[in-house]
Amino acid sequence: MQQNQNIYYSKILLFGEYSVIFNSMGLSIPYSHFRGEFEFINNEKYTDLNFAQESNRLLRKFADHVRELVQNNELSVPFNHQAFMKDIERGLFFESTIPQGFGLGSSGALVAALYDRYADPKIKNLKKITKKNIFKLKEIFSTLESFFHGTSSGIDPLNSYFKAPLLIHSKEDIRVINLPEDKNLKEGAIFLLDSGSPRQTGPLVNYFLERTKADAAFLQSIHEQFIPATNACIMSMLKGDMTAFYQNLFLLSEYQYEFLKRMIPEPFQPLWENGLTSNEYNLKLCGSGGGGFILGFTKDYLQAEDKFRSYGMEIIPVYKA
C-alpha cells in the first residue's frame, strides 16, 4: 500500500470545557504546532525506535478492538481491517509530537488518520459538508476513540480530520467554521503554559458531576454565570468584537478561579490570580485541568512573554497577531 503522507493536527478546545456537559456552546480549533502521521519502522527515517515499536504494539491492540467492532456490527463504515493488519506487520506506527495526556487530542489525531487511511468508502473532508455527515463522522469517531477513553464525544478526531475550527452550537448542532483572522485579537495572542504533568480527566470530571448533584448553588452558578460567559466569549470572538471578548474572558477566568479552583494546578493559582488583578493576561482551563496545559489570552504578547519569563516559564504561542 502506498505510504500515507497525510498529517493530522492536535486540537485545542478554546471554550466549552465542562460547560458543554450542560449544552453550552464550544469552540475547538486545530493546532498545527503538534501533529502526527503514519510511518513505517525502518523506512530510512530517523525516529525514536522505542517509541515506534510501542506505537506499533498499541496499533496491534487497536486492530483487535476494531475487529470486534466490525464483527459486532458496531462500526457504521466499511473498514479495511486486512490492510490495517498487513501494515502493522510491516511496522506501521503513528509518528506523533502530540503530548499524551495533555488534552491536545493525541488519540483523536490517530483516529482521524486511521479512518482516512482504512475506511472505504469514507466521508470526504469537504468544506461544505452537511450536518448529517458531520454527525455520522462524529458517531464513527466516537466509536473508534472509545478504545482509548472508554467513552468519547468524537469531537477531537473531527478537528484533526477537518483541519478547521469547529463550533459546537449545541449537542445537536456542530459546524465547521472560519475564524475572522483579520479582526481576531488585534496585537494580542493566545498561548499555552505547560504544567509539566499529565491531566487528570476522569477523576476531575467525576468530581465536577458529583458536585453539580450535591451543590444546588454550584449548579445554579453554572447556568447563570459559567455558560453565559462561555457563550459570550465565543460569540464576541466570532464577531471580531475584541472589547466585548476580553470583558467576557475576564468573567470566565474569574469564574473558573472561584468555582473550579481544584482543576487549576496549585503552582498556577498565583499566576491565575495575578492575571485577574493586573489585566495583563487571563488564564483559563484547557480541557479538564489538573495538569496538561493552561490556556492564556493577552492583549500584549511581548508583555506576557516577558512576565512569564520572569517566572522562569516559556509560553507557547497558539495564535499571535
Protein backbone atom coordinates (compact mmCIF):
# COMPACT_ATOMS: atom_id res chain seq x y z
CA MET A 1 0.00 0.00 0.00
CA GLN A 2 1.31 3.45 -0.84
CA GLN A 3 2.59 5.34 2.17
CA ASN A 4 0.13 7.88 3.50
CA GLN A 5 1.63 11.36 3.71
CA ASN A 6 -1.37 12.99 5.40
CA ILE A 7 -0.64 14.92 8.57
CA TYR A 8 -3.13 15.24 11.43
CA TYR A 9 -3.01 18.13 13.85
CA SER A 10 -3.61 18.33 17.57
CA LYS A 11 -6.59 20.34 18.81
CA ILE A 12 -7.31 22.95 21.43
CA LEU A 13 -10.73 23.38 23.00
CA LEU A 14 -10.69 27.16 23.32
CA PHE A 15 -14.05 27.32 25.08
CA GLY A 16 -16.53 24.78 26.42
CA GLU A 17 -14.64 22.67 28.94
CA TYR A 18 -17.15 21.28 31.46
CA SER A 19 -19.91 23.68 30.36
CA VAL A 20 -20.64 21.66 27.19
CA ILE A 21 -21.87 18.91 29.53
CA PHE A 22 -24.80 21.25 30.17
CA ASN A 23 -25.19 22.08 26.48
CA SER A 24 -23.25 25.34 26.32
CA MET A 25 -21.52 26.37 23.14
CA GLY A 26 -17.97 25.20 22.47
CA LEU A 27 -15.17 26.24 20.15
CA SER A 28 -12.41 23.83 19.17
CA ILE A 29 -9.51 24.60 16.83
CA PRO A 30 -6.78 22.52 15.15
CA TYR A 31 -3.28 23.28 16.39
CA SER A 32 -0.54 22.51 13.88
CA HIS A 33 2.34 23.01 16.36
CA PHE A 34 1.79 19.37 17.38
CA ARG A 35 0.97 16.78 14.73
CA GLY A 36 1.09 13.12 13.76
CA GLU A 37 1.27 10.89 10.69
CA PHE A 38 1.58 7.21 9.85
CA GLU A 39 5.08 5.93 9.14
CA PHE A 40 6.83 2.57 8.93
CA ILE A 41 9.67 1.38 11.14
CA ASN A 42 13.00 1.14 9.29
CA ASN A 43 11.91 3.18 6.30
CA GLU A 44 15.13 5.25 6.37
CA LYS A 45 13.62 7.86 8.66
CA TYR A 46 15.31 8.92 11.86
CA THR A 47 12.96 8.31 14.76
CA ASP A 48 12.84 7.04 18.34
CA LEU A 49 12.84 3.27 17.82
CA ASN A 50 11.38 2.51 21.25
CA PHE A 51 8.54 4.98 20.61
CA ALA A 52 7.89 3.48 17.18
CA GLN A 53 7.80 -0.07 18.50
CA GLU A 54 5.49 0.86 21.36
CA SER A 55 3.19 2.68 18.91
CA ASN A 56 3.17 -0.40 16.70
CA ARG A 57 2.17 -2.57 19.68
CA LEU A 58 -0.62 -0.15 20.53
CA LEU A 59 -1.90 -0.26 16.95
CA ARG A 60 -1.97 -4.06 17.15
CA LYS A 61 -4.22 -3.83 20.22
CA PHE A 62 -6.31 -1.19 18.49
CA ALA A 63 -6.70 -3.52 15.50
CA ASP A 64 -8.19 -6.17 17.80
CA HIS A 65 -10.65 -3.57 19.09
CA VAL A 66 -11.62 -2.57 15.55
CA ARG A 67 -12.08 -6.22 14.54
CA GLU A 68 -14.51 -6.69 17.44
CA LEU A 69 -16.41 -3.57 16.42
CA VAL A 70 -16.72 -4.88 12.87
CA GLN A 71 -17.77 -8.36 13.99
CA ASN A 72 -20.42 -6.91 16.32
CA ASN A 73 -21.72 -4.52 13.63
CA GLU A 74 -20.85 -1.57 15.90
CA LEU A 75 -18.86 0.33 13.29
CA SER A 76 -21.07 2.06 10.73
CA VAL A 77 -18.45 2.24 7.98
CA PRO A 78 -16.69 -0.42 5.87
CA PHE A 79 -13.17 -0.81 7.27
CA ASN A 80 -10.23 -2.49 5.53
CA HIS A 81 -9.03 -4.44 8.56
CA GLN A 82 -6.91 -6.77 6.43
CA ALA A 83 -4.88 -3.86 5.05
CA PHE A 84 -4.55 -2.43 8.55
CA MET A 85 -3.12 -5.71 9.90
CA LYS A 86 -0.81 -6.06 6.90
CA ASP A 87 0.60 -2.60 7.51
CA ILE A 88 1.07 -3.35 11.22
CA GLU A 89 3.12 -6.41 10.29
CA ARG A 90 5.24 -4.16 8.06
CA GLY A 91 5.98 -1.92 11.05
CA LEU A 92 3.26 0.74 10.88
CA PHE A 93 3.35 3.28 13.70
CA PHE A 94 1.97 6.75 14.40
CA GLU A 95 4.80 9.26 14.38
CA SER A 96 3.44 11.97 16.67
CA THR A 97 4.67 15.03 18.54
CA ILE A 98 1.32 15.48 20.29
CA PRO A 99 1.84 15.13 24.06
CA GLN A 100 -0.23 12.32 25.53
CA GLY A 101 -2.45 13.13 28.49
CA PHE A 102 -2.25 16.89 27.96
CA GLY A 103 -5.69 17.46 26.43
CA LEU A 104 -4.46 18.17 22.90
CA GLY A 105 -6.17 15.26 21.16
CA SER A 106 -3.35 12.76 20.63
CA SER A 107 -5.79 9.85 20.28
CA GLY A 108 -8.12 11.98 18.16
CA ALA A 109 -5.39 12.60 15.60
CA LEU A 110 -4.67 8.87 15.45
CA VAL A 111 -8.35 8.02 14.97
CA ALA A 112 -8.68 10.59 12.18
CA ALA A 113 -5.60 9.16 10.46
CA LEU A 114 -6.91 5.61 10.84
CA TYR A 115 -10.30 6.46 9.35
CA ASP A 116 -8.74 8.40 6.48
CA ARG A 117 -6.43 5.53 5.60
CA TYR A 118 -8.60 2.44 6.03
CA ALA A 119 -12.29 3.43 5.82
CA ASP A 120 -13.67 2.71 2.35
CA PRO A 121 -15.81 4.42 1.23
CA LYS A 122 -15.27 7.33 3.60
CA ILE A 123 -16.90 10.69 4.02
CA LYS A 124 -14.55 13.08 2.31
CA ASN A 125 -13.19 16.11 4.09
CA LEU A 126 -15.22 18.70 2.21
CA LYS A 127 -15.51 22.36 3.13
CA LYS A 128 -19.28 22.29 2.63
CA ILE A 129 -20.04 19.08 4.48
CA THR A 130 -23.64 18.51 5.55
CA LYS A 131 -24.76 18.40 9.17
CA LYS A 132 -25.86 14.81 8.60
CA ASN A 133 -22.39 13.74 7.54
CA ILE A 134 -20.75 15.66 10.39
CA PHE A 135 -22.80 13.69 12.90
CA LYS A 136 -22.21 10.44 11.03
CA LEU A 137 -18.46 11.07 11.25
CA LYS A 138 -18.80 12.07 14.90
CA GLU A 139 -20.52 8.76 15.65
CA ILE A 140 -17.83 6.76 13.83
CA PHE A 141 -15.01 8.65 15.54
CA SER A 142 -16.66 8.30 18.93
CA THR A 143 -16.89 4.53 18.48
CA LEU A 144 -13.27 4.23 17.37
CA GLU A 145 -11.85 6.51 20.07
CA SER A 146 -13.68 4.61 22.81
CA PHE A 147 -10.68 2.25 22.71
CA PHE A 148 -8.62 4.94 24.42
CA HIS A 149 -11.09 6.60 26.79
CA GLY A 150 -13.99 4.23 27.32
CA THR A 151 -16.29 6.97 26.07
CA SER A 152 -15.63 9.72 23.55
CA SER A 153 -17.55 12.65 22.08
CA GLY A 154 -15.80 12.21 18.72
CA ILE A 155 -15.00 15.95 18.59
CA ASP A 156 -11.21 15.62 18.74
CA PRO A 157 -10.97 13.35 15.68
CA LEU A 158 -13.36 15.67 13.83
CA ASN A 159 -10.98 18.56 14.44
CA SER A 160 -7.99 16.56 13.19
CA TYR A 161 -9.86 15.26 10.17
CA PHE A 162 -11.27 18.61 9.03
CA LYS A 163 -8.19 20.68 10.00
CA ALA A 164 -10.63 23.52 10.66
CA PRO A 165 -12.31 25.14 13.68
CA LEU A 166 -15.48 23.52 14.98
CA LEU A 167 -18.31 25.50 16.53
CA ILE A 168 -20.32 23.37 18.92
CA HIS A 169 -23.55 25.35 18.95
CA SER A 170 -25.25 22.61 20.93
CA LYS A 171 -25.12 18.83 21.18
CA GLU A 172 -27.32 18.71 18.08
CA ASP A 173 -25.56 21.42 16.08
CA ILE A 174 -21.86 21.24 15.19
CA ARG A 175 -20.46 23.33 12.35
CA VAL A 176 -17.16 23.71 10.52
CA ILE A 177 -16.35 27.43 10.59
CA ASN A 178 -13.67 30.00 9.84
CA LEU A 179 -12.42 32.43 12.47
CA PRO A 180 -12.23 36.11 11.46
CA GLU A 181 -8.43 36.31 11.38
CA ASP A 182 -8.32 39.91 10.18
CA LYS A 183 -10.11 41.06 13.32
CA ASN A 184 -9.09 38.36 15.75
CA LEU A 185 -7.18 39.54 18.83
CA LYS A 186 -5.59 42.60 17.18
CA GLU A 187 -1.99 42.74 18.50
CA GLY A 188 -2.74 40.17 21.18
CA ALA A 189 -2.20 36.42 21.34
CA ILE A 190 -3.48 33.07 22.53
CA PHE A 191 -0.85 30.93 24.23
CA LEU A 192 -0.26 27.75 26.21
CA LEU A 193 1.52 27.19 29.51
CA ASP A 194 2.89 23.72 30.20
CA SER A 195 2.05 22.46 33.69
CA GLY A 196 4.68 19.76 33.31
CA SER A 197 2.36 16.91 34.27
CA PRO A 198 -0.44 14.97 32.53
CA ARG A 199 -4.03 15.96 33.26
CA GLN A 200 -6.50 14.00 35.43
CA THR A 201 -9.58 13.89 33.25
CA GLY A 202 -11.59 11.05 34.79
CA PRO A 203 -11.41 11.99 38.50
CA LEU A 204 -11.96 15.70 37.85
CA VAL A 205 -14.95 15.20 35.57
CA ASN A 206 -16.47 12.83 38.13
CA TYR A 207 -15.84 15.39 40.86
CA PHE A 208 -17.48 18.10 38.76
CA LEU A 209 -20.56 15.98 38.04
CA GLU A 210 -20.96 14.87 41.65
CA ARG A 211 -20.68 18.46 42.82
CA THR A 212 -23.43 19.55 40.43
CA LYS A 213 -25.68 16.93 42.01
CA ALA A 214 -24.83 17.77 45.62
CA ASP A 215 -24.46 21.56 45.47
CA ALA A 216 -27.51 23.44 44.18
CA ALA A 217 -25.73 26.80 44.36
CA PHE A 218 -22.90 25.48 42.24
CA LEU A 219 -25.32 24.14 39.63
CA GLN A 220 -27.10 27.49 39.60
CA SER A 221 -23.79 29.29 39.05
CA ILE A 222 -23.11 27.09 36.01
CA HIS A 223 -26.34 28.15 34.35
CA GLU A 224 -26.25 31.79 35.44
CA GLN A 225 -22.51 32.56 35.15
CA PHE A 226 -20.40 29.82 33.57
CA ILE A 227 -22.48 29.08 30.47
CA PRO A 228 -23.33 32.74 29.68
CA ALA A 229 -19.64 33.74 29.96
CA THR A 230 -18.56 30.83 27.77
CA ASN A 231 -21.16 31.55 25.09
CA ALA A 232 -20.40 35.28 25.17
CA CYS A 233 -16.65 34.65 24.69
CA ILE A 234 -17.36 32.52 21.63
CA MET A 235 -19.87 34.90 20.06
CA SER A 236 -17.74 38.00 20.60
CA MET A 237 -14.70 36.22 19.14
CA LEU A 238 -16.64 35.12 16.08
CA LYS A 239 -17.94 38.67 15.59
CA GLY A 240 -14.43 40.11 15.99
CA ASP A 241 -15.62 42.31 18.87
CA MET A 242 -12.47 42.09 20.98
CA THR A 243 -13.56 44.71 23.53
CA ALA A 244 -16.52 42.52 24.47
CA PHE A 245 -14.36 39.41 24.14
CA TYR A 246 -11.85 40.47 26.79
CA GLN A 247 -14.63 41.59 29.11
CA ASN A 248 -16.31 38.19 28.85
CA LEU A 249 -12.98 36.37 29.08
CA PHE A 250 -12.27 38.11 32.40
CA LEU A 251 -15.62 36.88 33.74
CA LEU A 252 -14.88 33.35 32.57
CA SER A 253 -11.39 33.33 34.08
CA GLU A 254 -12.74 34.78 37.32
CA TYR A 255 -15.49 32.13 37.46
CA GLN A 256 -13.05 29.26 36.97
CA TYR A 257 -10.71 30.64 39.62
CA GLU A 258 -13.56 30.88 42.11
CA PHE A 259 -15.58 27.76 41.35
CA LEU A 260 -13.15 25.38 39.57
CA LYS A 261 -10.00 26.08 41.58
CA ARG A 262 -9.50 22.38 42.22
CA MET A 263 -8.92 21.93 38.47
CA ILE A 264 -6.12 24.53 38.43
CA PRO A 265 -2.66 23.08 39.24
CA GLU A 266 -1.55 24.68 42.52
CA PRO A 267 1.62 26.35 41.14
CA PHE A 268 -0.51 28.19 38.58
CA GLN A 269 -3.08 29.57 41.01
CA PRO A 270 -1.00 32.69 41.94
CA LEU A 271 -0.32 33.31 38.23
CA TRP A 272 -4.02 32.98 37.50
CA GLU A 273 -4.90 35.48 40.24
CA ASN A 274 -2.19 37.87 39.06
CA GLY A 275 -3.74 37.90 35.59
CA LEU A 276 -7.10 38.87 37.08
CA THR A 277 -5.63 41.71 39.15
CA SER A 278 -3.08 43.06 36.64
CA ASN A 279 -5.21 42.68 33.48
CA GLU A 280 -2.00 41.84 31.58
CA TYR A 281 -3.37 38.42 30.61
CA ASN A 282 -6.13 35.98 31.54
CA LEU A 283 -5.83 32.25 32.07
CA LYS A 284 -8.43 29.53 31.67
CA LEU A 285 -8.59 25.76 31.70
CA CYS A 286 -7.52 23.91 28.58
CA GLY A 287 -9.65 20.80 28.83
CA SER A 288 -10.39 19.21 32.19
CA GLY A 289 -7.45 20.71 34.06
CA GLY A 290 -5.48 19.13 36.87
CA GLY A 291 -2.40 19.15 34.64
CA GLY A 292 -1.68 19.29 30.94
CA PHE A 293 -1.73 22.81 29.52
CA ILE A 294 -3.20 26.07 30.76
CA LEU A 295 -4.66 28.36 28.10
CA GLY A 296 -3.81 32.06 28.14
CA PHE A 297 -5.00 35.19 26.35
CA THR A 298 -3.30 38.56 26.26
CA LYS A 299 -3.68 41.93 24.54
CA ASP A 300 0.12 42.31 24.52
CA TYR A 301 2.10 39.19 23.64
CA LEU A 302 5.56 40.62 24.31
CA GLN A 303 4.48 41.89 27.72
CA ALA A 304 3.04 38.48 28.62
CA GLU A 305 6.14 36.71 27.30
CA ASP A 306 8.38 38.88 29.50
CA LYS A 307 6.10 38.38 32.50
CA PHE A 308 6.18 34.59 32.33
CA ARG A 309 9.90 34.55 31.53
CA SER A 310 10.41 36.39 34.82
CA TYR A 311 8.65 33.42 36.45
CA GLY A 312 11.05 31.04 34.67
CA MET A 313 8.37 29.89 32.23
CA GLU A 314 8.17 29.85 28.43
CA ILE A 315 4.84 30.41 26.73
CA ILE A 316 3.87 28.51 23.60
CA PRO A 317 2.01 30.70 21.10
CA VAL A 318 -1.19 29.29 19.61
CA TYR A 319 -2.17 32.43 17.72
CA LYS A 320 -0.13 35.62 17.52
CA ALA A 321 -1.24 38.67 15.53
